[in-house]
Amino acid sequence: MSHRTHRPAPKRRRARHHLVRGLGQAAFYAASTTLAGGLVRELLHLVHMSVFSC
């Protein structure tokens, strides 16, 4: 019984994967927020132009 049973318990790898997934979600959220902000800005610009053209 001198030989150690190899038990795969890569907690670090799992944590890193979780961190990478969290960073990916944060990046996606930031990109979608930026995109939404740009769309809102464009809509406001169009409304502003249409109001001034009337």
PDB file of N, CA and C in Angstrom:
ATOM      1  N   MET A   1       0.836  -1.216   0.000  1.00  0.00           N
ATOM      2  CA  MET A   1       0.000   0.000   0.000  1.00  0.00           C
ATOM      3  C   MET A   1       0.871   1.267   0.000  1.00  0.00           C
ATOM      4  N   SER A   2       2.057   1.135  -0.524  1.00  0.00           N
ATOM      5  CA  SER A   2       2.941   2.294  -0.560  1.00  0.00           C
ATOM      6  C   SER A   2       2.560   3.208  -1.726  1.00  0.00           C
ATOM      7  N   HIS A   3       1.876   2.598  -2.692  1.00  0.00           N
ATOM      8  CA  HIS A   3       1.574   3.369  -3.887  1.00  0.00           C
ATOM      9  C   HIS A   3       0.298   4.195  -3.699  1.00  0.00           C
ATOM     10  N   ARG A   4       0.392   5.447  -4.056  1.00  0.00           N
ATOM     11  CA  ARG A   4      -0.688   6.409  -3.834  1.00  0.00           C
ATOM     12  C   ARG A   4      -1.694   6.335  -4.983  1.00  0.00           C
ATOM     13  N   THR A   5      -2.950   6.327  -4.644  1.00  0.00           N
ATOM     14  CA  THR A   5      -3.981   6.305  -5.700  1.00  0.00           C
ATOM     15  C   THR A   5      -4.124   7.719  -6.262  1.00  0.00           C
ATOM     16  N   HIS A   6      -4.020   7.815  -7.536  1.00  0.00           N
ATOM     17  CA  HIS A   6      -4.111   9.126  -8.191  1.00  0.00           C
ATOM     18  C   HIS A   6      -5.580   9.517  -8.334  1.00  0.00           C
ATOM     19  N   ARG A   7      -5.956  10.515  -7.581  1.00  0.00           N
ATOM     20  CA  ARG A   7      -7.336  11.004  -7.650  1.00  0.00           C
ATOM     21  C   ARG A   7      -7.346  12.349  -8.369  1.00  0.00           C
ATOM     22  N   PRO A   8      -7.994  12.452  -9.488  1.00  0.00           N
ATOM     23  CA  PRO A   8      -8.023  13.738 -10.212  1.00  0.00           C
ATOM     24  C   PRO A   8      -8.944  14.745  -9.526  1.00  0.00           C
ATOM     25  N   ALA A   9      -8.330  15.732  -8.885  1.00  0.00           N
ATOM     26  CA  ALA A   9      -9.100  16.787  -8.231  1.00  0.00           C
ATOM     27  C   ALA A   9      -8.490  18.136  -8.606  1.00  0.00           C
ATOM     28  N   PRO A  10      -8.626  18.537  -9.878  1.00  0.00           N
ATOM     29  CA  PRO A  10      -8.021  19.804 -10.321  1.00  0.00           C
ATOM     30  C   PRO A  10      -8.885  20.997  -9.922  1.00  0.00           C
ATOM     31  N   LYS A  11      -8.814  21.372  -8.656  1.00  0.00           N
ATOM     32  CA  LYS A  11      -9.622  22.503  -8.172  1.00  0.00           C
ATOM     33  C   LYS A  11      -9.147  23.812  -8.796  1.00  0.00           C
ATOM     34  N   ARG A  12      -7.832  23.936  -8.960  1.00  0.00           N
ATOM     35  CA  ARG A  12      -7.298  25.163  -9.566  1.00  0.00           C
ATOM     36  C   ARG A  12      -7.795  25.334 -10.992  1.00  0.00           C
ATOM     37  N   ARG A  13      -7.760  24.228 -11.763  1.00  0.00           N
ATOM     38  CA  ARG A  13      -8.192  24.299 -13.154  1.00  0.00           C
ATOM     39  C   ARG A  13      -9.679  24.658 -13.229  1.00  0.00           C
ATOM     40  N   ARG A  14     -10.460  24.069 -12.323  1.00  0.00           N
ATOM     41  CA  ARG A  14     -11.900  24.350 -12.305  1.00  0.00           C
ATOM     42  C   ARG A  14     -12.145  25.819 -11.956  1.00  0.00           C
ATOM     43  N   ALA A  15     -11.380  26.330 -10.981  1.00  0.00           N
ATOM     44  CA  ALA A  15     -11.530  27.732 -10.591  1.00  0.00           C
ATOM     45  C   ALA A  15     -11.123  28.650 -11.742  1.00  0.00           C
ATOM     46  N   ARG A  16     -10.039  28.266 -12.438  1.00  0.00           N
ATOM     47  CA  ARG A  16      -9.592  29.080 -13.556  1.00  0.00           C
ATOM     48  C   ARG A  16     -10.644  29.086 -14.668  1.00  0.00           C
ATOM     49  N   HIS A  17     -11.222  27.928 -14.927  1.00  0.00           N
ATOM     50  CA  HIS A  17     -12.271  27.841 -15.943  1.00  0.00           C
ATOM     51  C   HIS A  17     -13.459  28.720 -15.557  1.00  0.00           C
ATOM     52  N   HIS A  18     -13.815  28.692 -14.278  1.00  0.00           N
ATOM     53  CA  HIS A  18     -14.919  29.521 -13.785  1.00  0.00           C
ATOM     54  C   HIS A  18     -14.580  30.998 -13.948  1.00  0.00           C
ATOM     55  N   LEU A  19     -13.319  31.354 -13.659  1.00  0.00           N
ATOM     56  CA  LEU A  19     -12.880  32.739 -13.797  1.00  0.00           C
ATOM     57  C   LEU A  19     -12.933  33.179 -15.254  1.00  0.00           C
ATOM     58  N   VAL A  20     -12.464  32.312 -16.144  1.00  0.00           N
ATOM     59  CA  VAL A  20     -12.483  32.627 -17.573  1.00  0.00           C
ATOM     60  C   VAL A  20     -13.916  32.795 -18.061  1.00  0.00           C
ATOM     61  N   ARG A  21     -14.798  31.908 -17.588  1.00  0.00           N
ATOM     62  CA  ARG A  21     -16.205  32.015 -17.986  1.00  0.00           C
ATOM     63  C   ARG A  21     -16.811  33.314 -17.450  1.00  0.00           C
ATOM     64  N   GLY A  22     -16.455  33.679 -16.221  1.00  0.00           N
ATOM     65  CA  GLY A  22     -16.936  34.934 -15.637  1.00  0.00           C
ATOM     66  C   GLY A  22     -16.433  36.141 -16.407  1.00  0.00           C
ATOM     67  N   LEU A  23     -15.154  36.100 -16.801  1.00  0.00           N
ATOM     68  CA  LEU A  23     -14.589  37.201 -17.589  1.00  0.00           C
ATOM     69  C   LEU A  23     -15.267  37.293 -18.947  1.00  0.00           C
ATOM     70  N   GLY A  24     -15.551  36.145 -19.544  1.00  0.00           N
ATOM     71  CA  GLY A  24     -16.246  36.124 -20.833  1.00  0.00           C
ATOM     72  C   GLY A  24     -17.640  36.732 -20.720  1.00  0.00           C
ATOM     73  N   GLN A  25     -18.335  36.394 -19.639  1.00  0.00           N
ATOM     74  CA  GLN A  25     -19.673  36.958 -19.426  1.00  0.00           C
ATOM     75  C   GLN A  25     -19.593  38.457 -19.203  1.00  0.00           C
ATOM     76  N   ALA A  26     -18.576  38.895 -18.453  1.00  0.00           N
ATOM     77  CA  ALA A  26     -18.400  40.332 -18.193  1.00  0.00           C
ATOM     78  C   ALA A  26     -18.103  41.075 -19.492  1.00  0.00           C
ATOM     79  N   ALA A  27     -17.253  40.477 -20.336  1.00  0.00           N
ATOM     80  CA  ALA A  27     -16.921  41.105 -21.617  1.00  0.00           C
ATOM     81  C   ALA A  27     -18.152  41.172 -22.517  1.00  0.00           C
ATOM     82  N   PHE A  28     -18.933  40.092 -22.530  1.00  0.00           N
ATOM     83  CA  PHE A  28     -20.158  40.068 -23.330  1.00  0.00           C
ATOM     84  C   PHE A  28     -21.154  41.115 -22.835  1.00  0.00           C
ATOM     85  N   TYR A  29     -21.265  41.243 -21.499  1.00  0.00           N
ATOM     86  CA  TYR A  29     -22.159  42.230 -20.905  1.00  0.00           C
ATOM     87  C   TYR A  29     -21.715  43.646 -21.266  1.00  0.00           C
ATOM     88  N   ALA A  30     -20.395  43.884 -21.189  1.00  0.00           N
ATOM     89  CA  ALA A  30     -19.862  45.206 -21.529  1.00  0.00           C
ATOM     90  C   ALA A  30     -20.117  45.528 -22.994  1.00  0.00           C
ATOM     91  N   ALA A  31     -19.901  44.535 -23.871  1.00  0.00           N
ATOM     92  CA  ALA A  31     -20.117  44.742 -25.305  1.00  0.00           C
ATOM     93  C   ALA A  31     -21.587  45.011 -25.602  1.00  0.00           C
ATOM     94  N   SER A  32     -22.476  44.248 -24.970  1.00  0.00           N
ATOM     95  CA  SER A  32     -23.910  44.443 -25.209  1.00  0.00           C
ATOM     96  C   SER A  32     -24.370  45.787 -24.659  1.00  0.00           C
ATOM     97  N   THR A  33     -23.786  46.201 -23.524  1.00  0.00           N
ATOM     98  CA  THR A  33     -24.132  47.512 -22.954  1.00  0.00           C
ATOM     99  C   THR A  33     -23.676  48.624 -23.883  1.00  0.00           C
ATOM    100  N   THR A  34     -22.457  48.487 -24.412  1.00  0.00           N
ATOM    101  CA  THR A  34     -21.929  49.490 -25.347  1.00  0.00           C
ATOM    102  C   THR A  34     -22.793  49.548 -26.608  1.00  0.00           C
ATOM    103  N   LEU A  35     -23.168  48.370 -27.108  1.00  0.00           N
ATOM    104  CA  LEU A  35     -24.002  48.298 -28.306  1.00  0.00           C
ATOM    105  C   LEU A  35     -25.366  48.938 -28.046  1.00  0.00           C
ATOM    106  N   ALA A  36     -25.954  48.617 -26.893  1.00  0.00           N
ATOM    107  CA  ALA A  36     -27.255  49.192 -26.536  1.00  0.00           C
ATOM    108  C   ALA A  36     -27.134  50.708 -26.400  1.00  0.00           C
ATOM    109  N   GLY A  37     -26.040  51.164 -25.777  1.00  0.00           N
ATOM    110  CA  GLY A  37     -25.826  52.612 -25.639  1.00  0.00           C
ATOM    111  C   GLY A  37     -25.724  53.285 -26.992  1.00  0.00           C
ATOM    112  N   GLY A  38     -25.003  52.642 -27.928  1.00  0.00           N
ATOM    113  CA  GLY A  38     -24.865  53.195 -29.279  1.00  0.00           C
ATOM    114  C   GLY A  38     -26.202  53.246 -29.996  1.00  0.00           C
ATOM    115  N   LEU A  39     -27.011  52.208 -29.840  1.00  0.00           N
ATOM    116  CA  LEU A  39     -28.325  52.175 -30.481  1.00  0.00           C
ATOM    117  C   LEU A  39     -29.233  53.253 -29.904  1.00  0.00           C
ATOM    118  N   VAL A  40     -29.196  53.405 -28.588  1.00  0.00           N
ATOM    119  CA  VAL A  40     -30.014  54.443 -27.941  1.00  0.00           C
ATOM    120  C   VAL A  40     -29.571  55.818 -28.416  1.00  0.00           C
ATOM    121  N   ARG A  41     -28.254  56.006 -28.538  1.00  0.00           N
ATOM    122  CA  ARG A  41     -27.732  57.295 -29.010  1.00  0.00           C
ATOM    123  C   ARG A  41     -28.194  57.577 -30.428  1.00  0.00           C
ATOM    124  N   GLU A  42     -28.159  56.533 -31.278  1.00  0.00           N
ATOM    125  CA  GLU A  42     -28.620  56.690 -32.662  1.00  0.00           C
ATOM    126  C   GLU A  42     -30.115  57.021 -32.708  1.00  0.00           C
ATOM    127  N   LEU A  43     -30.897  56.330 -31.872  1.00  0.00           N
ATOM    128  CA  LEU A  43     -32.340  56.592 -31.833  1.00  0.00           C
ATOM    129  C   LEU A  43     -32.614  58.016 -31.367  1.00  0.00           C
ATOM    130  N   LEU A  44     -31.894  58.454 -30.334  1.00  0.00           N
ATOM    131  CA  LEU A  44     -32.070  59.823 -29.848  1.00  0.00           C
ATOM    132  C   LEU A  44     -31.685  60.830 -30.925  1.00  0.00           C
ATOM    133  N   HIS A  45     -30.622  60.532 -31.653  1.00  0.00           N
ATOM    134  CA  HIS A  45     -30.185  61.419 -32.736  1.00  0.00           C
ATOM    135  C   HIS A  45     -31.253  61.500 -33.823  1.00  0.00           C
ATOM    136  N   LEU A  46     -31.826  60.341 -34.175  1.00  0.00           N
ATOM    137  CA  LEU A  46     -32.874  60.325 -35.209  1.00  0.00           C
ATOM    138  C   LEU A  46     -34.106  61.099 -34.726  1.00  0.00           C
ATOM    139  N   VAL A  47     -34.491  60.899 -33.479  1.00  0.00           N
ATOM    140  CA  VAL A  47     -35.644  61.616 -32.932  1.00  0.00           C
ATOM    141  C   VAL A  47     -35.364  63.120 -32.922  1.00  0.00           C
ATOM    142  N   HIS A  48     -34.157  63.503 -32.516  1.00  0.00           N
ATOM    143  CA  HIS A  48     -33.756  64.904 -32.485  1.00  0.00           C
ATOM    144  C   HIS A  48     -33.843  65.517 -33.881  1.00  0.00           C
ATOM    145  N   MET A  49     -33.324  64.770 -34.875  1.00  0.00           N
ATOM    146  CA  MET A  49     -33.351  65.272 -36.252  1.00  0.00           C
ATOM    147  C   MET A  49     -34.772  65.400 -36.772  1.00  0.00           C
ATOM    148  N   SER A  50     -35.613  64.397 -36.452  1.00  0.00           N
ATOM    149  CA  SER A  50     -36.984  64.433 -36.944  1.00  0.00           C
ATOM    150  C   SER A  50     -37.775  65.553 -36.267  1.00  0.00           C
ATOM    151  N   VAL A  51     -37.489  65.812 -34.998  1.00  0.00           N
ATOM    152  CA  VAL A  51     -38.178  66.894 -34.289  1.00  0.00           C
ATOM    153  C   VAL A  51     -37.775  68.237 -34.886  1.00  0.00           C
ATOM    154  N   PHE A  52     -36.476  68.402 -35.212  1.00  0.00           N
ATOM    155  CA  PHE A  52     -36.016  69.660 -35.773  1.00  0.00           C
ATOM    156  C   PHE A  52     -36.472  69.839 -37.211  1.00  0.00           C
ATOM    157  N   SER A  53     -36.702  68.740 -37.938  1.00  0.00           N
ATOM    158  CA  SER A  53     -37.120  68.847 -39.330  1.00  0.00           C
ATOM    159  C   SER A  53     -38.603  69.210 -39.436  1.00  0.00           C
ATOM    160  N   CYS A  54     -39.383  68.974 -38.392  1.00  0.00           N
ATOM    161  CA  CYS A  54     -40.815  69.274 -38.438  1.00  0.00           C
ATOM    162  C   CYS A  54     -41.072  70.771 -38.437  1.00  0.00           C
TER     163      CYS A  54
END
